[in-house]
Amino acid sequence: MQVNARQSLLLGLVAFVALLMGGNAVLWLVGPARAAEALGMPLLTGPALSSQMDIGAFFFAAASFIVMALATRERPWFIAAAVLALGAAAYRTAAFLFHGAPFLADMVGIEIVMGTILIIASRVLGRGSAGRG
C-alpha cells in the first residue's frame, strides 16, 4: 500500500496518541502517585486505591485499541479508542455541569482532539475507506 502525505501525517498522529495512552497506562502501574497528580487528583488509599488504579485500565485499553487499529486498519478499533477519549471528555463535562467540578478545558480539549484524530483516521486509514490505497 502506498501512503500519501495526509495518511502519513495521520499515522504519526495516531501513533502519538497511542504513545500518550500507553505511557499513562504504564505510569499507573509504576508510579500511581505521579499518574494521579498528572490528572489533578490525590492518590487514594485502601479499597479506593484499587478502584482508582482502574484508570490505568482505561489508558491500557485505549492504547491497545489504537495498536490494533494501526496493525489491522479495521475501523472499529479506531472508533473504540475514539469512544474512550470522547467519553472521557463527556464525563468531565458532566462533572462540571452537574456535580460542581471545575471545568478542565485543557483536558477536555485534548480528549476531543484525540477522539477527532481517531475518527478521521478511521475514515482515511480504515480498511475500505475512500482515502486508503
C-alpha atoms as a PDB file:
ATOM      1  CA  MET A   1       0.000   0.000   0.000  1.00  0.00           C
ATOM      2  CA  GLN A   2       1.337   3.405  -0.965  1.00  0.00           C
ATOM      3  CA  VAL A   3       0.858   6.051   1.720  1.00  0.00           C
ATOM      4  CA  ASN A   4       0.302   9.696   0.778  1.00  0.00           C
ATOM      5  CA  ALA A   5       1.307  12.725   2.868  1.00  0.00           C
ATOM      6  CA  ARG A   6      -2.114  13.051   4.556  1.00  0.00           C
ATOM      7  CA  GLN A   7      -2.080   9.389   5.512  1.00  0.00           C
ATOM      8  CA  SER A   8       1.494   9.661   6.805  1.00  0.00           C
ATOM      9  CA  LEU A   9       0.523  12.618   8.984  1.00  0.00           C
ATOM     10  CA  LEU A  10      -2.481  10.736  10.353  1.00  0.00           C
ATOM     11  CA  LEU A  11      -0.393   7.636  11.029  1.00  0.00           C
ATOM     12  CA  GLY A  12       2.037   9.772  13.004  1.00  0.00           C
ATOM     13  CA  LEU A  13      -0.714  11.482  14.974  1.00  0.00           C
ATOM     14  CA  VAL A  14      -2.433   8.195  15.765  1.00  0.00           C
ATOM     15  CA  ALA A  15       0.870   6.641  16.853  1.00  0.00           C
ATOM     16  CA  PHE A  16       1.486   9.685  19.074  1.00  0.00           C
ATOM     17  CA  VAL A  17      -1.944   9.246  20.700  1.00  0.00           C
ATOM     18  CA  ALA A  18      -1.130   5.560  21.271  1.00  0.00           C
ATOM     19  CA  LEU A  19       2.150   6.525  22.955  1.00  0.00           C
ATOM     20  CA  LEU A  20       0.384   9.031  25.209  1.00  0.00           C
ATOM     21  CA  MET A  21      -2.231   6.489  26.234  1.00  0.00           C
ATOM     22  CA  GLY A  22       0.308   3.698  26.646  1.00  0.00           C
ATOM     23  CA  GLY A  23       2.608   5.942  28.656  1.00  0.00           C
ATOM     24  CA  ASN A  24      -0.225   6.806  31.016  1.00  0.00           C
ATOM     25  CA  ALA A  25      -1.106   3.126  31.395  1.00  0.00           C
ATOM     26  CA  VAL A  26       2.480   2.299  32.370  1.00  0.00           C
ATOM     27  CA  LEU A  27       2.652   5.273  34.719  1.00  0.00           C
ATOM     28  CA  TRP A  28      -0.402   3.997  36.607  1.00  0.00           C
ATOM     29  CA  LEU A  29       1.459   0.711  37.146  1.00  0.00           C
ATOM     30  CA  VAL A  30       4.870   2.035  38.165  1.00  0.00           C
ATOM     31  CA  GLY A  31       4.117   5.475  39.616  1.00  0.00           C
ATOM     32  CA  PRO A  32       0.467   5.792  40.563  1.00  0.00           C
ATOM     33  CA  ALA A  33       1.064   8.867  42.732  1.00  0.00           C
ATOM     34  CA  ARG A  34       2.571  10.707  39.744  1.00  0.00           C
ATOM     35  CA  ALA A  35      -0.185   9.435  37.454  1.00  0.00           C
ATOM     36  CA  ALA A  36      -2.876  10.663  39.841  1.00  0.00           C
ATOM     37  CA  GLU A  37      -1.130  14.019  40.250  1.00  0.00           C
ATOM     38  CA  ALA A  38      -0.977  14.429  36.458  1.00  0.00           C
ATOM     39  CA  LEU A  39      -4.763  14.116  36.411  1.00  0.00           C
ATOM     40  CA  GLY A  40      -5.182  16.579  39.267  1.00  0.00           C
ATOM     41  CA  MET A  41      -6.135  14.117  41.975  1.00  0.00           C
ATOM     42  CA  PRO A  42      -4.552  12.730  45.117  1.00  0.00           C
ATOM     43  CA  LEU A  43      -3.572   9.097  45.295  1.00  0.00           C
ATOM     44  CA  LEU A  44      -6.226   7.365  47.353  1.00  0.00           C
ATOM     45  CA  THR A  45      -5.659   4.576  49.874  1.00  0.00           C
ATOM     46  CA  GLY A  46      -7.269   1.284  50.815  1.00  0.00           C
ATOM     47  CA  PRO A  47     -10.093  -0.033  48.632  1.00  0.00           C
ATOM     48  CA  ALA A  48     -10.370   3.372  46.954  1.00  0.00           C
ATOM     49  CA  LEU A  49      -6.811   2.987  45.619  1.00  0.00           C
ATOM     50  CA  SER A  50      -7.779  -0.279  43.980  1.00  0.00           C
ATOM     51  CA  SER A  51     -10.683   1.434  42.239  1.00  0.00           C
ATOM     52  CA  GLN A  52      -8.551   4.441  41.316  1.00  0.00           C
ATOM     53  CA  MET A  53      -5.999   2.141  39.678  1.00  0.00           C
ATOM     54  CA  ASP A  54      -8.751   1.141  37.253  1.00  0.00           C
ATOM     55  CA  ILE A  55      -7.967   4.401  35.479  1.00  0.00           C
ATOM     56  CA  GLY A  56      -4.845   2.666  34.202  1.00  0.00           C
ATOM     57  CA  ALA A  57      -7.063   0.088  32.506  1.00  0.00           C
ATOM     58  CA  PHE A  58      -8.759   2.919  30.603  1.00  0.00           C
ATOM     59  CA  PHE A  59      -5.405   4.044  29.215  1.00  0.00           C
ATOM     60  CA  PHE A  60      -4.296   0.463  28.553  1.00  0.00           C
ATOM     61  CA  ALA A  61      -7.498  -0.275  26.637  1.00  0.00           C
ATOM     62  CA  ALA A  62      -7.225   2.905  24.570  1.00  0.00           C
ATOM     63  CA  ALA A  63      -3.585   2.207  23.688  1.00  0.00           C
ATOM     64  CA  SER A  64      -4.411  -1.420  22.845  1.00  0.00           C
ATOM     65  CA  PHE A  65      -7.296  -0.412  20.591  1.00  0.00           C
ATOM     66  CA  ILE A  66      -5.066   2.053  18.752  1.00  0.00           C
ATOM     67  CA  VAL A  67      -2.316  -0.533  18.269  1.00  0.00           C
ATOM     68  CA  MET A  68      -4.914  -2.935  16.879  1.00  0.00           C
ATOM     69  CA  ALA A  69      -6.209  -0.161  14.604  1.00  0.00           C
ATOM     70  CA  LEU A  70      -2.740   0.527  13.260  1.00  0.00           C
ATOM     71  CA  ALA A  71      -1.965  -3.165  12.830  1.00  0.00           C
ATOM     72  CA  THR A  72      -5.215  -4.170  11.119  1.00  0.00           C
ATOM     73  CA  ARG A  73      -6.557  -0.869   9.748  1.00  0.00           C
ATOM     74  CA  GLU A  74     -10.003  -2.055  10.823  1.00  0.00           C
ATOM     75  CA  ARG A  75     -12.318   0.890  11.506  1.00  0.00           C
ATOM     76  CA  PRO A  76     -13.892  -0.465  14.711  1.00  0.00           C
ATOM     77  CA  TRP A  77     -10.543  -0.316  16.534  1.00  0.00           C
ATOM     78  CA  PHE A  78     -10.115   3.379  15.704  1.00  0.00           C
ATOM     79  CA  ILE A  79     -13.701   4.063  16.765  1.00  0.00           C
ATOM     80  CA  ALA A  80     -13.359   2.103  20.035  1.00  0.00           C
ATOM     81  CA  ALA A  81     -10.390   4.249  21.056  1.00  0.00           C
ATOM     82  CA  ALA A  82     -12.228   7.406  19.964  1.00  0.00           C
ATOM     83  CA  VAL A  83     -15.223   6.456  22.121  1.00  0.00           C
ATOM     84  CA  LEU A  84     -12.957   6.203  25.157  1.00  0.00           C
ATOM     85  CA  ALA A  85     -11.366   9.609  24.526  1.00  0.00           C
ATOM     86  CA  LEU A  86     -14.630  11.366  23.703  1.00  0.00           C
ATOM     87  CA  GLY A  87     -16.404   9.591  26.545  1.00  0.00           C
ATOM     88  CA  ALA A  88     -13.803  10.948  28.964  1.00  0.00           C
ATOM     89  CA  ALA A  89     -14.458  14.458  27.620  1.00  0.00           C
ATOM     90  CA  ALA A  90     -18.199  13.961  28.029  1.00  0.00           C
ATOM     91  CA  TYR A  91     -17.882  12.699  31.610  1.00  0.00           C
ATOM     92  CA  ARG A  92     -15.524  15.545  32.561  1.00  0.00           C
ATOM     93  CA  THR A  93     -18.041  17.990  31.154  1.00  0.00           C
ATOM     94  CA  ALA A  94     -20.870  16.284  33.042  1.00  0.00           C
ATOM     95  CA  ALA A  95     -18.851  16.540  36.265  1.00  0.00           C
ATOM     96  CA  PHE A  96     -18.681  20.299  35.672  1.00  0.00           C
ATOM     97  CA  LEU A  97     -22.314  20.754  34.632  1.00  0.00           C
ATOM     98  CA  PHE A  98     -23.990  18.553  37.212  1.00  0.00           C
ATOM     99  CA  HIS A  99     -21.621  17.979  40.115  1.00  0.00           C
ATOM    100  CA  GLY A 100     -19.719  21.194  40.772  1.00  0.00           C
ATOM    101  CA  ALA A 101     -16.323  20.129  39.444  1.00  0.00           C
ATOM    102  CA  PRO A 102     -14.176  22.798  37.832  1.00  0.00           C
ATOM    103  CA  PHE A 103     -14.240  22.744  34.044  1.00  0.00           C
ATOM    104  CA  LEU A 104     -10.880  21.412  32.845  1.00  0.00           C
ATOM    105  CA  ALA A 105     -10.872  22.904  29.361  1.00  0.00           C
ATOM    106  CA  ASP A 106      -7.310  21.793  28.638  1.00  0.00           C
ATOM    107  CA  MET A 107      -8.035  18.139  29.399  1.00  0.00           C
ATOM    108  CA  VAL A 108     -11.406  18.180  27.647  1.00  0.00           C
ATOM    109  CA  GLY A 109      -9.790  19.819  24.636  1.00  0.00           C
ATOM    110  CA  ILE A 110      -7.025  17.214  24.464  1.00  0.00           C
ATOM    111  CA  GLU A 111      -9.569  14.392  24.705  1.00  0.00           C
ATOM    112  CA  ILE A 112     -11.700  15.923  21.952  1.00  0.00           C
ATOM    113  CA  VAL A 113      -8.665  16.404  19.702  1.00  0.00           C
ATOM    114  CA  MET A 114      -7.525  12.809  20.277  1.00  0.00           C
ATOM    115  CA  GLY A 115     -11.022  11.448  19.605  1.00  0.00           C
ATOM    116  CA  THR A 116     -11.324  13.543  16.468  1.00  0.00           C
ATOM    117  CA  ILE A 117      -7.943  12.359  15.177  1.00  0.00           C
ATOM    118  CA  LEU A 118      -9.054   8.762  15.692  1.00  0.00           C
ATOM    119  CA  ILE A 119     -12.397   9.278  13.924  1.00  0.00           C
ATOM    120  CA  ILE A 120     -10.697  10.964  10.978  1.00  0.00           C
ATOM    121  CA  ALA A 121      -8.148   8.148  10.889  1.00  0.00           C
ATOM    122  CA  SER A 122     -10.939   5.583  10.805  1.00  0.00           C
ATOM    123  CA  ARG A 123     -12.282   7.285   7.676  1.00  0.00           C
ATOM    124  CA  VAL A 124      -8.937   7.862   5.938  1.00  0.00           C
ATOM    125  CA  LEU A 125      -6.874   4.891   7.088  1.00  0.00           C
ATOM    126  CA  GLY A 126      -9.567   2.344   7.920  1.00  0.00           C
ATOM    127  CA  ARG A 127      -9.984  -0.689   5.727  1.00  0.00           C
ATOM    128  CA  GLY A 128     -12.364   0.009   2.863  1.00  0.00           C
ATOM    129  CA  SER A 129     -12.265   3.799   3.270  1.00  0.00           C
ATOM    130  CA  ALA A 130     -12.135   6.037   0.218  1.00  0.00           C
ATOM    131  CA  GLY A 131      -8.898   7.680   1.366  1.00  0.00           C
ATOM    132  CA  ARG A 132      -6.976   4.417   1.659  1.00  0.00           C
ATOM    133  CA  GLY A 133      -4.843   2.912  -1.046  1.00  0.00           C
END
